[in-house]
Amino acid sequence: MKKLLKIRQATEADLRHILLFEFRNRGWFSQFLPGQVLQQQTEMYFRRLLRSDFKHLQYLVYLPNDVLIGRFNGQILDKKSVEVSYRIAKNFTNQGIAKHVLKHVLIIWASNGITEVYAQVADHNKASIKVLLSCGFEISEVQKNAINLGPEIHDSLVFRWSIAEDLPCNVAKFDSIPVC
């Protein structure tokens, strides 16, 4: 399955696919993301994101038939640090896709000077915790009662990945293509 995936940077031409992906998976995503996060992700929000200086940190995962099944987003924290968030459609979870794509994205970001990547995950999101740990992330902080998911409040686990600690291969910058 992973060899059949297309992983690429998002563009404005993908806007319709992104909106459809978010709409189809809203119920699934609401188990892991606060409602206010999902509500702010409108067409205008995505259009601005895809036109911004951060568009190079937005990646999409497509099947060969051009069905969007995942999104990986980076938000710049400082010159060398990014926070990653990602979503995989419910029907494609537990297949190693998130792990495969995250490792790919880490290599690209590292080849472009990013040395630290952070992620926040609700304590009940066992699948994401497993993905992050398998990609070399470590828990750096626990924020008590930080994520409100409707009637339940969860702790937030803050994960950190560092190039110095877990580079998946030797990365060289050659026209922005990682060389392993």
C-alpha atoms as a PDB file:
ATOM      1  CA  MET A   1       0.000   0.000   0.000  1.00  0.00           C
ATOM      2  CA  LYS A   2       2.685   2.548   0.993  1.00  0.00           C
ATOM      3  CA  LYS A   3       4.451   2.169  -2.368  1.00  0.00           C
ATOM      4  CA  LEU A   4       1.244   3.158  -4.100  1.00  0.00           C
ATOM      5  CA  LEU A   5       0.877   6.463  -2.265  1.00  0.00           C
ATOM      6  CA  LYS A   6       1.591   9.877  -3.728  1.00  0.00           C
ATOM      7  CA  ILE A   7       3.062  12.318  -1.207  1.00  0.00           C
ATOM      8  CA  ARG A   8       3.408  15.892  -2.361  1.00  0.00           C
ATOM      9  CA  GLN A   9       3.209  19.506  -1.319  1.00  0.00           C
ATOM     10  CA  ALA A  10      -0.270  20.981  -1.278  1.00  0.00           C
ATOM     11  CA  THR A  11      -1.192  23.721  -3.734  1.00  0.00           C
ATOM     12  CA  GLU A  12      -4.235  25.915  -4.218  1.00  0.00           C
ATOM     13  CA  ALA A  13      -5.363  23.477  -6.905  1.00  0.00           C
ATOM     14  CA  ASP A  14      -5.911  20.933  -4.089  1.00  0.00           C
ATOM     15  CA  LEU A  15      -8.371  23.131  -2.187  1.00  0.00           C
ATOM     16  CA  ARG A  16     -11.502  21.242  -3.286  1.00  0.00           C
ATOM     17  CA  HIS A  17      -9.929  17.886  -2.346  1.00  0.00           C
ATOM     18  CA  ILE A  18      -8.843  19.236   1.046  1.00  0.00           C
ATOM     19  CA  LEU A  19     -12.313  20.561   1.858  1.00  0.00           C
ATOM     20  CA  LEU A  20     -13.939  17.296   0.793  1.00  0.00           C
ATOM     21  CA  PHE A  21     -11.400  15.291   2.844  1.00  0.00           C
ATOM     22  CA  GLU A  22     -12.104  17.403   5.945  1.00  0.00           C
ATOM     23  CA  PHE A  23     -15.877  17.181   5.466  1.00  0.00           C
ATOM     24  CA  ARG A  24     -15.914  13.405   4.971  1.00  0.00           C
ATOM     25  CA  ASN A  25     -13.742  12.790   8.017  1.00  0.00           C
ATOM     26  CA  ARG A  26     -15.084  15.451  10.412  1.00  0.00           C
ATOM     27  CA  GLY A  27     -16.724  12.902  12.732  1.00  0.00           C
ATOM     28  CA  TRP A  28     -13.544  10.815  12.917  1.00  0.00           C
ATOM     29  CA  PHE A  29     -11.295  13.839  13.455  1.00  0.00           C
ATOM     30  CA  SER A  30     -13.598  15.247  16.157  1.00  0.00           C
ATOM     31  CA  GLN A  31     -12.564  12.363  18.411  1.00  0.00           C
ATOM     32  CA  PHE A  32      -9.031  13.784  18.498  1.00  0.00           C
ATOM     33  CA  LEU A  33      -9.314  17.517  17.747  1.00  0.00           C
ATOM     34  CA  PRO A  34     -11.246  20.234  19.606  1.00  0.00           C
ATOM     35  CA  GLY A  35     -14.369  21.487  17.848  1.00  0.00           C
ATOM     36  CA  GLN A  36     -13.041  25.037  17.548  1.00  0.00           C
ATOM     37  CA  VAL A  37     -10.045  23.740  15.562  1.00  0.00           C
ATOM     38  CA  LEU A  38     -12.330  21.933  13.117  1.00  0.00           C
ATOM     39  CA  GLN A  39     -14.705  24.911  12.806  1.00  0.00           C
ATOM     40  CA  GLN A  40     -11.950  27.373  11.886  1.00  0.00           C
ATOM     41  CA  GLN A  41     -10.839  25.224   8.951  1.00  0.00           C
ATOM     42  CA  THR A  42     -12.993  26.820   6.305  1.00  0.00           C
ATOM     43  CA  GLU A  43     -12.348  27.384   2.619  1.00  0.00           C
ATOM     44  CA  MET A  44     -10.941  30.824   3.442  1.00  0.00           C
ATOM     45  CA  TYR A  45      -8.622  29.341   6.089  1.00  0.00           C
ATOM     46  CA  PHE A  46      -7.162  26.776   3.665  1.00  0.00           C
ATOM     47  CA  ARG A  47      -6.916  29.274   0.810  1.00  0.00           C
ATOM     48  CA  ARG A  48      -4.908  31.645   3.024  1.00  0.00           C
ATOM     49  CA  LEU A  49      -2.701  28.791   4.223  1.00  0.00           C
ATOM     50  CA  LEU A  50      -1.960  27.620   0.693  1.00  0.00           C
ATOM     51  CA  ARG A  51      -1.065  31.183  -0.366  1.00  0.00           C
ATOM     52  CA  SER A  52       1.094  31.896   2.682  1.00  0.00           C
ATOM     53  CA  ASP A  53       4.814  31.602   3.276  1.00  0.00           C
ATOM     54  CA  PHE A  54       4.045  28.301   5.036  1.00  0.00           C
ATOM     55  CA  LYS A  55       2.614  26.533   1.985  1.00  0.00           C
ATOM     56  CA  HIS A  56       5.858  24.577   1.606  1.00  0.00           C
ATOM     57  CA  LEU A  57       5.084  22.852   4.930  1.00  0.00           C
ATOM     58  CA  GLN A  58       1.749  21.420   3.762  1.00  0.00           C
ATOM     59  CA  TYR A  59       1.782  17.857   2.415  1.00  0.00           C
ATOM     60  CA  LEU A  60      -0.975  15.691   1.041  1.00  0.00           C
ATOM     61  CA  VAL A  61      -1.221  11.919   0.734  1.00  0.00           C
ATOM     62  CA  TYR A  62      -3.119  10.598  -2.278  1.00  0.00           C
ATOM     63  CA  LEU A  63      -3.999   7.158  -3.550  1.00  0.00           C
ATOM     64  CA  PRO A  64      -3.029   6.454  -7.183  1.00  0.00           C
ATOM     65  CA  ASN A  65      -6.616   7.301  -8.238  1.00  0.00           C
ATOM     66  CA  ASP A  66      -6.196  10.829  -6.748  1.00  0.00           C
ATOM     67  CA  VAL A  67      -8.295  10.245  -3.629  1.00  0.00           C
ATOM     68  CA  LEU A  68      -6.917  12.331  -0.764  1.00  0.00           C
ATOM     69  CA  ILE A  69      -6.409  10.165   2.337  1.00  0.00           C
ATOM     70  CA  GLY A  70      -4.118  12.279   4.510  1.00  0.00           C
ATOM     71  CA  ARG A  71      -2.773  15.723   5.359  1.00  0.00           C
ATOM     72  CA  PHE A  72       0.483  16.642   7.090  1.00  0.00           C
ATOM     73  CA  ASN A  73       0.976  20.237   8.183  1.00  0.00           C
ATOM     74  CA  GLY A  74       3.887  22.120   9.612  1.00  0.00           C
ATOM     75  CA  GLN A  75       3.687  25.376  11.508  1.00  0.00           C
ATOM     76  CA  ILE A  76       6.883  27.313  12.041  1.00  0.00           C
ATOM     77  CA  LEU A  77       7.787  27.873  15.683  1.00  0.00           C
ATOM     78  CA  ASP A  78      11.135  29.557  14.963  1.00  0.00           C
ATOM     79  CA  LYS A  79      13.878  29.434  12.317  1.00  0.00           C
ATOM     80  CA  LYS A  80      14.752  25.791  12.998  1.00  0.00           C
ATOM     81  CA  SER A  81      11.623  24.403  14.706  1.00  0.00           C
ATOM     82  CA  VAL A  82       8.262  23.259  13.356  1.00  0.00           C
ATOM     83  CA  GLU A  83       5.129  21.807  14.917  1.00  0.00           C
ATOM     84  CA  VAL A  84       3.626  18.962  12.897  1.00  0.00           C
ATOM     85  CA  SER A  85       0.025  17.839  12.820  1.00  0.00           C
ATOM     86  CA  TYR A  86      -1.444  15.175  10.612  1.00  0.00           C
ATOM     87  CA  ARG A  87      -4.643  13.380   9.768  1.00  0.00           C
ATOM     88  CA  ILE A  88      -5.342  10.121   8.025  1.00  0.00           C
ATOM     89  CA  ALA A  89      -8.819   9.165   6.823  1.00  0.00           C
ATOM     90  CA  LYS A  90     -10.421   6.589   9.129  1.00  0.00           C
ATOM     91  CA  ASN A  91     -10.511   3.860   6.469  1.00  0.00           C
ATOM     92  CA  PHE A  92      -6.727   4.110   6.040  1.00  0.00           C
ATOM     93  CA  THR A  93      -5.596   4.086   9.668  1.00  0.00           C
ATOM     94  CA  ASN A  94      -3.532   1.291  11.228  1.00  0.00           C
ATOM     95  CA  GLN A  95      -1.760   0.538   7.935  1.00  0.00           C
ATOM     96  CA  GLY A  96       1.536   2.310   8.648  1.00  0.00           C
ATOM     97  CA  ILE A  97       0.713   5.223   6.357  1.00  0.00           C
ATOM     98  CA  ALA A  98       1.153   7.980   8.959  1.00  0.00           C
ATOM     99  CA  LYS A  99       4.507   6.541  10.046  1.00  0.00           C
ATOM    100  CA  HIS A 100       5.712   6.211   6.445  1.00  0.00           C
ATOM    101  CA  VAL A 101       4.686   9.748   5.464  1.00  0.00           C
ATOM    102  CA  LEU A 102       5.937  11.361   8.679  1.00  0.00           C
ATOM    103  CA  LYS A 103       9.397   9.841   8.186  1.00  0.00           C
ATOM    104  CA  HIS A 104       9.380  11.168   4.614  1.00  0.00           C
ATOM    105  CA  VAL A 105       8.354  14.673   5.748  1.00  0.00           C
ATOM    106  CA  LEU A 106      10.983  14.708   8.534  1.00  0.00           C
ATOM    107  CA  ILE A 107      13.713  14.015   5.974  1.00  0.00           C
ATOM    108  CA  ILE A 108      12.492  16.827   3.723  1.00  0.00           C
ATOM    109  CA  TRP A 109      12.266  19.304   6.570  1.00  0.00           C
ATOM    110  CA  ALA A 110      15.674  18.298   7.940  1.00  0.00           C
ATOM    111  CA  SER A 111      17.220  18.783   4.501  1.00  0.00           C
ATOM    112  CA  ASN A 112      15.857  22.326   4.573  1.00  0.00           C
ATOM    113  CA  GLY A 113      17.347  23.255   7.947  1.00  0.00           C
ATOM    114  CA  ILE A 114      14.676  22.210  10.434  1.00  0.00           C
ATOM    115  CA  THR A 115      16.390  20.683  13.470  1.00  0.00           C
ATOM    116  CA  GLU A 116      13.441  20.159  15.824  1.00  0.00           C
ATOM    117  CA  VAL A 117       9.867  19.059  15.255  1.00  0.00           C
ATOM    118  CA  TYR A 118       7.157  19.095  17.902  1.00  0.00           C
ATOM    119  CA  ALA A 119       3.718  17.477  18.025  1.00  0.00           C
ATOM    120  CA  GLN A 120       0.839  17.659  20.495  1.00  0.00           C
ATOM    121  CA  VAL A 121      -1.443  14.670  20.972  1.00  0.00           C
ATOM    122  CA  ALA A 122      -4.333  13.947  23.307  1.00  0.00           C
ATOM    123  CA  ASP A 123      -3.402  11.232  25.802  1.00  0.00           C
ATOM    124  CA  HIS A 124      -6.129   8.873  24.486  1.00  0.00           C
ATOM    125  CA  ASN A 125      -4.865   8.995  20.870  1.00  0.00           C
ATOM    126  CA  LYS A 126      -2.897   5.753  21.074  1.00  0.00           C
ATOM    127  CA  ALA A 127      -2.378   5.467  17.308  1.00  0.00           C
ATOM    128  CA  SER A 128      -0.700   8.880  17.020  1.00  0.00           C
ATOM    129  CA  ILE A 129       1.381   8.228  20.113  1.00  0.00           C
ATOM    130  CA  LYS A 130       2.602   4.997  18.504  1.00  0.00           C
ATOM    131  CA  VAL A 131       3.388   6.791  15.214  1.00  0.00           C
ATOM    132  CA  LEU A 132       5.373   9.529  16.913  1.00  0.00           C
ATOM    133  CA  LEU A 133       7.371   7.125  19.086  1.00  0.00           C
ATOM    134  CA  SER A 134       8.152   4.921  16.073  1.00  0.00           C
ATOM    135  CA  CYS A 135       9.471   7.990  14.213  1.00  0.00           C
ATOM    136  CA  GLY A 136      11.912   8.874  16.992  1.00  0.00           C
ATOM    137  CA  PHE A 137       9.857  11.450  18.884  1.00  0.00           C
ATOM    138  CA  GLU A 138      10.075  11.566  22.665  1.00  0.00           C
ATOM    139  CA  ILE A 139       7.598  12.967  25.181  1.00  0.00           C
ATOM    140  CA  SER A 140       8.958  16.302  26.346  1.00  0.00           C
ATOM    141  CA  GLU A 141       6.010  17.569  28.361  1.00  0.00           C
ATOM    142  CA  VAL A 142       2.592  16.599  29.688  1.00  0.00           C
ATOM    143  CA  GLN A 143       0.027  19.389  29.877  1.00  0.00           C
ATOM    144  CA  LYS A 144      -2.743  18.410  32.281  1.00  0.00           C
ATOM    145  CA  ASN A 145      -6.365  18.913  31.192  1.00  0.00           C
ATOM    146  CA  ALA A 146      -5.303  20.850  28.097  1.00  0.00           C
ATOM    147  CA  ILE A 147      -7.552  19.392  25.374  1.00  0.00           C
ATOM    148  CA  ASN A 148     -11.326  19.808  25.529  1.00  0.00           C
ATOM    149  CA  LEU A 149     -13.093  17.251  23.351  1.00  0.00           C
ATOM    150  CA  GLY A 150     -16.748  17.892  24.063  1.00  0.00           C
ATOM    151  CA  PRO A 151     -17.731  16.347  27.354  1.00  0.00           C
ATOM    152  CA  GLU A 152     -14.221  15.013  28.030  1.00  0.00           C
ATOM    153  CA  ILE A 153     -11.017  16.826  28.900  1.00  0.00           C
ATOM    154  CA  HIS A 154      -7.704  15.143  28.117  1.00  0.00           C
ATOM    155  CA  ASP A 155      -4.073  15.680  28.926  1.00  0.00           C
ATOM    156  CA  SER A 156      -1.898  16.855  26.049  1.00  0.00           C
ATOM    157  CA  LEU A 157       1.340  15.012  25.394  1.00  0.00           C
ATOM    158  CA  VAL A 158       3.972  17.220  23.773  1.00  0.00           C
ATOM    159  CA  PHE A 159       6.451  15.250  21.667  1.00  0.00           C
ATOM    160  CA  ARG A 160       9.825  16.415  20.366  1.00  0.00           C
ATOM    161  CA  TRP A 161      12.013  15.075  17.533  1.00  0.00           C
ATOM    162  CA  SER A 162      15.523  16.346  17.019  1.00  0.00           C
ATOM    163  CA  ILE A 163      17.712  15.887  13.962  1.00  0.00           C
ATOM    164  CA  ALA A 164      20.733  15.426  16.196  1.00  0.00           C
ATOM    165  CA  GLU A 165      19.051  12.564  18.021  1.00  0.00           C
ATOM    166  CA  ASP A 166      17.233  10.655  15.293  1.00  0.00           C
ATOM    167  CA  LEU A 167      18.162  11.456  11.744  1.00  0.00           C
ATOM    168  CA  PRO A 168      16.746   8.607   9.634  1.00  0.00           C
ATOM    169  CA  CYS A 169      19.647   8.884   7.188  1.00  0.00           C
ATOM    170  CA  ASN A 170      22.410  11.257   6.200  1.00  0.00           C
ATOM    171  CA  VAL A 171      20.630  14.197   4.679  1.00  0.00           C
ATOM    172  CA  ALA A 172      22.310  16.423   2.145  1.00  0.00           C
ATOM    173  CA  LYS A 173      20.743  19.430   0.511  1.00  0.00           C
ATOM    174  CA  PHE A 174      20.773  19.009  -3.248  1.00  0.00           C
ATOM    175  CA  ASP A 175      18.111  21.133  -4.916  1.00  0.00           C
ATOM    176  CA  SER A 176      15.841  20.491  -1.886  1.00  0.00           C
ATOM    177  CA  ILE A 177      15.843  16.733  -2.506  1.00  0.00           C
ATOM    178  CA  PRO A 178      17.019  14.631   0.452  1.00  0.00           C
ATOM    179  CA  VAL A 179      19.780  12.181  -0.414  1.00  0.00           C
ATOM    180  CA  CYS A 180      19.919   9.011   1.691  1.00  0.00           C
END
